[in-house]
Amino acid sequence: MLKARGLTTLVIIAGLALSACGRRNKEPHLMNIRSNTAGPDEFTVLPGKPLEAPDFKAPLPTPTPGGTNLTDPTPKADAVAALGGNPARVATTGAGNIGRGDGALVSHASRFGVAGGIRQTLAAEDVDYRRRHNGKLLERWFNLNTYYKAYKPLSLDQYRELERFRRLGVRTPSVPPDPNRYQ
C-alpha cells in the first residue's frame, strides 16, 4: 500500500515536470480573452475592393512587398471621391508620406537620429518582459488574465499626474472624478 502510494506520487510529479516543459519557448499570453460565440468578430472583417481583370496587353506591375495592393481599402480617398474631390491628391499612408502640417513635428522629433529597427527591438524587449511577468502557476493553469497586473508598474496614474500638473499651475481640462478616491 505504501509502495503504491509512493509510485503514484512519483508518477504525478513526473507528469507535472513534463507538462512544465511544454511552453518554454513560446510567447506568454497575458491577455486571455475567450469568445463564446461561433461567429466572426465584426472588426476583423474588412471588405476589400472588387478584383479587376488586368489588360493582358500591358505588362503587370512589379510586386512591392509591404506595399499597397489594388484591392486594399482606401477610406480617405474613397470619401474624397464621394464628395466630388480628386482622390489622387490624398497621400497614401507610408513611411515617406508625411503631411505638410506634420513635417516640422517629425523633423523636431528625429533631430537626434532615428533608430532603424526600433519596432523589432521594442517587440523583443516586450516579449522578454512578458516572459518575466508571466503570472503565477495557478493563473497560467486556469488561463486567467494577468495583463493589467503585469503592466501596472509601467502604467501612468492619470489622476496623480493631473494633480501634479494642477500644482504646477498648468491649465488642465475637466476630467471625470477618480473612481478610487471615494471608495
C-alpha atoms as a PDB file:
ATOM      1  CA  MET A   1       0.000   0.000   0.000  1.00  0.00           C
ATOM      2  CA  LEU A   2       2.754   2.441   0.970  1.00  0.00           C
ATOM      3  CA  LYS A   3       4.770   1.400  -2.080  1.00  0.00           C
ATOM      4  CA  ALA A   4       1.765   2.006  -4.402  1.00  0.00           C
ATOM      5  CA  ARG A   5       1.179   5.460  -2.884  1.00  0.00           C
ATOM      6  CA  GLY A   6       4.832   6.382  -3.420  1.00  0.00           C
ATOM      7  CA  LEU A   7       4.690   5.155  -7.016  1.00  0.00           C
ATOM      8  CA  THR A   8       1.502   7.172  -7.662  1.00  0.00           C
ATOM      9  CA  THR A   9       3.107  10.290  -6.186  1.00  0.00           C
ATOM     10  CA  LEU A  10       6.198   9.756  -8.329  1.00  0.00           C
ATOM     11  CA  VAL A  11       4.069   9.398 -11.494  1.00  0.00           C
ATOM     12  CA  ILE A  12       2.162  12.621 -10.675  1.00  0.00           C
ATOM     13  CA  ILE A  13       5.401  14.529 -10.059  1.00  0.00           C
ATOM     14  CA  ALA A  14       6.892  13.221 -13.314  1.00  0.00           C
ATOM     15  CA  GLY A  15       3.737  14.232 -15.231  1.00  0.00           C
ATOM     16  CA  LEU A  16       3.834  17.745 -13.761  1.00  0.00           C
ATOM     17  CA  ALA A  17       7.522  18.078 -14.573  1.00  0.00           C
ATOM     18  CA  LEU A  18       6.934  17.029 -18.180  1.00  0.00           C
ATOM     19  CA  SER A  19       3.961  19.362 -18.593  1.00  0.00           C
ATOM     20  CA  ALA A  20       6.023  22.266 -17.299  1.00  0.00           C
ATOM     21  CA  CYS A  21       8.461  21.821 -20.182  1.00  0.00           C
ATOM     22  CA  GLY A  22       5.823  22.275 -22.871  1.00  0.00           C
ATOM     23  CA  ARG A  23       5.630  26.078 -23.306  1.00  0.00           C
ATOM     24  CA  ARG A  24       9.216  27.097 -22.664  1.00  0.00           C
ATOM     25  CA  ASN A  25       9.975  28.962 -25.916  1.00  0.00           C
ATOM     26  CA  LYS A  26       6.514  30.274 -26.757  1.00  0.00           C
ATOM     27  CA  GLU A  27       5.486  33.874 -26.191  1.00  0.00           C
ATOM     28  CA  PRO A  28       3.494  34.320 -22.988  1.00  0.00           C
ATOM     29  CA  HIS A  29      -0.122  35.379 -23.438  1.00  0.00           C
ATOM     30  CA  LEU A  30      -1.034  37.757 -20.631  1.00  0.00           C
ATOM     31  CA  MET A  31      -4.383  38.814 -22.106  1.00  0.00           C
ATOM     32  CA  ASN A  32      -6.594  35.732 -22.162  1.00  0.00           C
ATOM     33  CA  ILE A  33      -9.904  36.662 -23.721  1.00  0.00           C
ATOM     34  CA  ARG A  34     -12.263  33.937 -24.785  1.00  0.00           C
ATOM     35  CA  SER A  35     -15.248  34.315 -27.083  1.00  0.00           C
ATOM     36  CA  ASN A  36     -18.262  32.087 -26.569  1.00  0.00           C
ATOM     37  CA  THR A  37     -19.708  32.850 -29.999  1.00  0.00           C
ATOM     38  CA  ALA A  38     -19.021  30.932 -33.170  1.00  0.00           C
ATOM     39  CA  GLY A  39     -19.379  33.969 -35.446  1.00  0.00           C
ATOM     40  CA  PRO A  40     -16.625  36.261 -36.723  1.00  0.00           C
ATOM     41  CA  ASP A  41     -15.514  39.392 -34.950  1.00  0.00           C
ATOM     42  CA  GLU A  42     -17.031  42.247 -36.936  1.00  0.00           C
ATOM     43  CA  PHE A  43     -13.929  44.378 -36.503  1.00  0.00           C
ATOM     44  CA  THR A  44     -11.686  41.846 -38.224  1.00  0.00           C
ATOM     45  CA  VAL A  45     -13.828  41.543 -41.343  1.00  0.00           C
ATOM     46  CA  LEU A  46     -12.924  44.334 -43.721  1.00  0.00           C
ATOM     47  CA  PRO A  47     -14.282  44.212 -47.235  1.00  0.00           C
ATOM     48  CA  GLY A  48     -11.776  44.809 -49.990  1.00  0.00           C
ATOM     49  CA  LYS A  49     -12.314  46.421 -53.341  1.00  0.00           C
ATOM     50  CA  PRO A  50     -13.557  44.185 -56.163  1.00  0.00           C
ATOM     51  CA  LEU A  51     -10.977  42.373 -58.253  1.00  0.00           C
ATOM     52  CA  GLU A  52     -10.412  43.595 -61.784  1.00  0.00           C
ATOM     53  CA  ALA A  53      -9.169  41.533 -64.701  1.00  0.00           C
ATOM     54  CA  PRO A  54      -5.881  43.024 -65.934  1.00  0.00           C
ATOM     55  CA  ASP A  55      -5.360  44.090 -69.515  1.00  0.00           C
ATOM     56  CA  PHE A  56      -3.187  41.301 -70.870  1.00  0.00           C
ATOM     57  CA  LYS A  57      -1.598  43.599 -73.468  1.00  0.00           C
ATOM     58  CA  ALA A  58       0.084  45.697 -70.798  1.00  0.00           C
ATOM     59  CA  PRO A  59       2.756  44.239 -68.512  1.00  0.00           C
ATOM     60  CA  LEU A  60       1.777  43.638 -64.908  1.00  0.00           C
ATOM     61  CA  PRO A  61       3.276  45.986 -62.304  1.00  0.00           C
ATOM     62  CA  THR A  62       6.201  44.673 -60.309  1.00  0.00           C
ATOM     63  CA  PRO A  63       5.218  43.433 -56.848  1.00  0.00           C
ATOM     64  CA  THR A  64       6.132  45.651 -53.898  1.00  0.00           C
ATOM     65  CA  PRO A  65       6.470  43.605 -50.692  1.00  0.00           C
ATOM     66  CA  GLY A  66       4.866  45.501 -47.846  1.00  0.00           C
ATOM     67  CA  GLY A  67       3.353  47.985 -50.292  1.00  0.00           C
ATOM     68  CA  THR A  68      -0.248  48.678 -51.118  1.00  0.00           C
ATOM     69  CA  ASN A  69      -2.458  46.403 -53.157  1.00  0.00           C
ATOM     70  CA  LEU A  70      -5.010  47.476 -55.766  1.00  0.00           C
ATOM     71  CA  THR A  71      -7.774  45.843 -53.723  1.00  0.00           C
ATOM     72  CA  ASP A  72      -6.751  47.417 -50.403  1.00  0.00           C
ATOM     73  CA  PRO A  73      -9.422  49.728 -48.990  1.00  0.00           C
ATOM     74  CA  THR A  74      -8.609  53.448 -49.142  1.00  0.00           C
ATOM     75  CA  PRO A  75     -11.273  55.085 -46.973  1.00  0.00           C
ATOM     76  CA  LYS A  76      -9.872  58.628 -47.162  1.00  0.00           C
ATOM     77  CA  ALA A  77      -9.519  58.588 -50.937  1.00  0.00           C
ATOM     78  CA  ASP A  78     -12.955  56.976 -51.288  1.00  0.00           C
ATOM     79  CA  ALA A  79     -14.511  59.685 -49.099  1.00  0.00           C
ATOM     80  CA  VAL A  80     -12.817  62.429 -51.130  1.00  0.00           C
ATOM     81  CA  ALA A  81     -14.081  60.848 -54.371  1.00  0.00           C
ATOM     82  CA  ALA A  82     -17.615  60.514 -52.947  1.00  0.00           C
ATOM     83  CA  LEU A  83     -17.625  64.219 -52.078  1.00  0.00           C
ATOM     84  CA  GLY A  84     -16.501  65.177 -55.587  1.00  0.00           C
ATOM     85  CA  GLY A  85     -12.788  65.696 -54.906  1.00  0.00           C
ATOM     86  CA  ASN A  86      -9.700  64.279 -56.533  1.00  0.00           C
ATOM     87  CA  PRO A  87      -8.729  61.044 -54.703  1.00  0.00           C
ATOM     88  CA  ALA A  88      -5.250  61.116 -56.267  1.00  0.00           C
ATOM     89  CA  ARG A  89      -4.380  64.124 -54.097  1.00  0.00           C
ATOM     90  CA  VAL A  90      -4.884  62.140 -50.899  1.00  0.00           C
ATOM     91  CA  ALA A  91      -1.499  60.850 -49.742  1.00  0.00           C
ATOM     92  CA  THR A  92      -1.330  57.134 -49.107  1.00  0.00           C
ATOM     93  CA  THR A  93      -0.057  56.024 -45.776  1.00  0.00           C
ATOM     94  CA  GLY A  94       3.558  55.010 -45.560  1.00  0.00           C
ATOM     95  CA  ALA A  95       6.953  55.941 -44.190  1.00  0.00           C
ATOM     96  CA  GLY A  96       7.736  58.547 -46.844  1.00  0.00           C
ATOM     97  CA  ASN A  97       4.379  60.336 -46.817  1.00  0.00           C
ATOM     98  CA  ILE A  98       4.243  62.972 -44.107  1.00  0.00           C
ATOM     99  CA  GLY A  99       1.559  65.628 -44.246  1.00  0.00           C
ATOM    100  CA  ARG A 100       2.540  69.254 -44.747  1.00  0.00           C
ATOM    101  CA  GLY A 101       1.489  70.223 -41.249  1.00  0.00           C
ATOM    102  CA  ASP A 102       3.457  67.420 -39.603  1.00  0.00           C
ATOM    103  CA  GLY A 103       6.821  67.973 -41.282  1.00  0.00           C
ATOM    104  CA  ALA A 104       8.140  70.292 -38.558  1.00  0.00           C
ATOM    105  CA  LEU A 105       6.978  67.924 -35.834  1.00  0.00           C
ATOM    106  CA  VAL A 106       8.648  64.910 -37.434  1.00  0.00           C
ATOM    107  CA  SER A 107      11.913  66.751 -38.053  1.00  0.00           C
ATOM    108  CA  HIS A 108      11.986  68.020 -34.445  1.00  0.00           C
ATOM    109  CA  ALA A 109      11.267  64.548 -33.050  1.00  0.00           C
ATOM    110  CA  SER A 110      14.001  62.978 -35.205  1.00  0.00           C
ATOM    111  CA  ARG A 111      16.641  65.671 -34.612  1.00  0.00           C
ATOM    112  CA  PHE A 112      18.869  63.281 -32.630  1.00  0.00           C
ATOM    113  CA  GLY A 113      18.522  60.465 -35.144  1.00  0.00           C
ATOM    114  CA  VAL A 114      16.108  57.631 -35.667  1.00  0.00           C
ATOM    115  CA  ALA A 115      16.741  54.029 -34.676  1.00  0.00           C
ATOM    116  CA  GLY A 116      16.141  51.880 -37.735  1.00  0.00           C
ATOM    117  CA  GLY A 117      14.967  48.690 -36.037  1.00  0.00           C
ATOM    118  CA  ILE A 118      13.025  50.265 -33.185  1.00  0.00           C
ATOM    119  CA  ARG A 119       9.913  48.153 -33.745  1.00  0.00           C
ATOM    120  CA  GLN A 120      11.854  44.878 -33.708  1.00  0.00           C
ATOM    121  CA  THR A 121      13.850  45.981 -30.648  1.00  0.00           C
ATOM    122  CA  LEU A 122      10.719  47.003 -28.782  1.00  0.00           C
ATOM    123  CA  ALA A 123       8.943  43.754 -29.705  1.00  0.00           C
ATOM    124  CA  ALA A 124      11.892  41.678 -28.442  1.00  0.00           C
ATOM    125  CA  GLU A 125      12.077  43.647 -25.190  1.00  0.00           C
ATOM    126  CA  ASP A 126       8.318  43.290 -24.693  1.00  0.00           C
ATOM    127  CA  VAL A 127       8.456  39.504 -25.175  1.00  0.00           C
ATOM    128  CA  ASP A 128      11.262  39.358 -22.613  1.00  0.00           C
ATOM    129  CA  TYR A 129       9.219  41.480 -20.173  1.00  0.00           C
ATOM    130  CA  ARG A 130       6.150  39.278 -20.651  1.00  0.00           C
ATOM    131  CA  ARG A 131       8.240  36.149 -20.024  1.00  0.00           C
ATOM    132  CA  ARG A 132       9.481  37.605 -16.763  1.00  0.00           C
ATOM    133  CA  HIS A 133       5.941  38.651 -15.704  1.00  0.00           C
ATOM    134  CA  ASN A 134       4.006  35.626 -16.943  1.00  0.00           C
ATOM    135  CA  GLY A 135       1.785  35.203 -13.892  1.00  0.00           C
ATOM    136  CA  LYS A 136       1.732  32.653 -11.154  1.00  0.00           C
ATOM    137  CA  LEU A 137       1.338  28.928 -11.725  1.00  0.00           C
ATOM    138  CA  LEU A 138      -2.389  28.747 -10.978  1.00  0.00           C
ATOM    139  CA  GLU A 139      -3.040  31.866 -13.087  1.00  0.00           C
ATOM    140  CA  ARG A 140      -1.411  30.150 -16.062  1.00  0.00           C
ATOM    141  CA  TRP A 141      -3.195  26.849 -15.419  1.00  0.00           C
ATOM    142  CA  PHE A 142      -6.629  28.469 -15.284  1.00  0.00           C
ATOM    143  CA  ASN A 143      -5.851  30.866 -18.159  1.00  0.00           C
ATOM    144  CA  LEU A 144      -6.523  33.994 -16.101  1.00  0.00           C
ATOM    145  CA  ASN A 145      -5.934  37.492 -17.432  1.00  0.00           C
ATOM    146  CA  THR A 146      -2.644  38.815 -15.985  1.00  0.00           C
ATOM    147  CA  TYR A 147      -2.051  41.629 -18.486  1.00  0.00           C
ATOM    148  CA  TYR A 148      -3.071  44.545 -16.259  1.00  0.00           C
ATOM    149  CA  LYS A 149      -1.176  43.211 -13.263  1.00  0.00           C
ATOM    150  CA  ALA A 150       1.988  42.693 -15.330  1.00  0.00           C
ATOM    151  CA  TYR A 151       1.974  46.199 -16.840  1.00  0.00           C
ATOM    152  CA  LYS A 152       0.791  48.036 -13.689  1.00  0.00           C
ATOM    153  CA  PRO A 153       4.319  49.246 -12.767  1.00  0.00           C
ATOM    154  CA  LEU A 154       4.655  50.788 -16.239  1.00  0.00           C
ATOM    155  CA  SER A 155       1.240  52.452 -16.377  1.00  0.00           C
ATOM    156  CA  LEU A 156       0.662  56.113 -15.674  1.00  0.00           C
ATOM    157  CA  ASP A 157      -1.558  57.095 -12.753  1.00  0.00           C
ATOM    158  CA  GLN A 158      -3.580  59.705 -14.597  1.00  0.00           C
ATOM    159  CA  TYR A 159      -5.148  61.274 -11.510  1.00  0.00           C
ATOM    160  CA  ARG A 160      -1.809  61.684  -9.750  1.00  0.00           C
ATOM    161  CA  GLU A 161      -0.397  63.328 -12.895  1.00  0.00           C
ATOM    162  CA  LEU A 162      -3.460  65.571 -13.077  1.00  0.00           C
ATOM    163  CA  GLU A 163      -2.870  66.729  -9.504  1.00  0.00           C
ATOM    164  CA  ARG A 164       0.822  67.266 -10.207  1.00  0.00           C
ATOM    165  CA  PHE A 165       0.055  69.410 -13.251  1.00  0.00           C
ATOM    166  CA  ARG A 166      -2.514  71.420 -11.289  1.00  0.00           C
ATOM    167  CA  ARG A 167       0.019  72.076  -8.517  1.00  0.00           C
ATOM    168  CA  LEU A 168       2.459  73.315 -11.169  1.00  0.00           C
ATOM    169  CA  GLY A 169      -0.171  75.726 -12.450  1.00  0.00           C
ATOM    170  CA  VAL A 170      -0.761  74.023 -15.782  1.00  0.00           C
ATOM    171  CA  ARG A 171      -4.300  74.549 -17.051  1.00  0.00           C
ATOM    172  CA  THR A 172      -5.986  71.168 -17.275  1.00  0.00           C
ATOM    173  CA  PRO A 173      -9.353  70.295 -18.779  1.00  0.00           C
ATOM    174  CA  SER A 174     -12.101  68.866 -16.648  1.00  0.00           C
ATOM    175  CA  VAL A 175     -11.865  65.133 -16.130  1.00  0.00           C
ATOM    176  CA  PRO A 176     -14.153  62.526 -14.611  1.00  0.00           C
ATOM    177  CA  PRO A 177     -13.648  62.048 -10.867  1.00  0.00           C
ATOM    178  CA  ASP A 178     -11.237  59.399  -9.649  1.00  0.00           C
ATOM    179  CA  PRO A 179     -13.320  56.250  -9.013  1.00  0.00           C
ATOM    180  CA  ASN A 180     -10.859  55.018  -6.349  1.00  0.00           C
ATOM    181  CA  ARG A 181     -10.943  58.234  -4.328  1.00  0.00           C
ATOM    182  CA  TYR A 182     -14.456  57.837  -2.925  1.00  0.00           C
ATOM    183  CA  GLN A 183     -14.484  54.160  -2.023  1.00  0.00           C
END
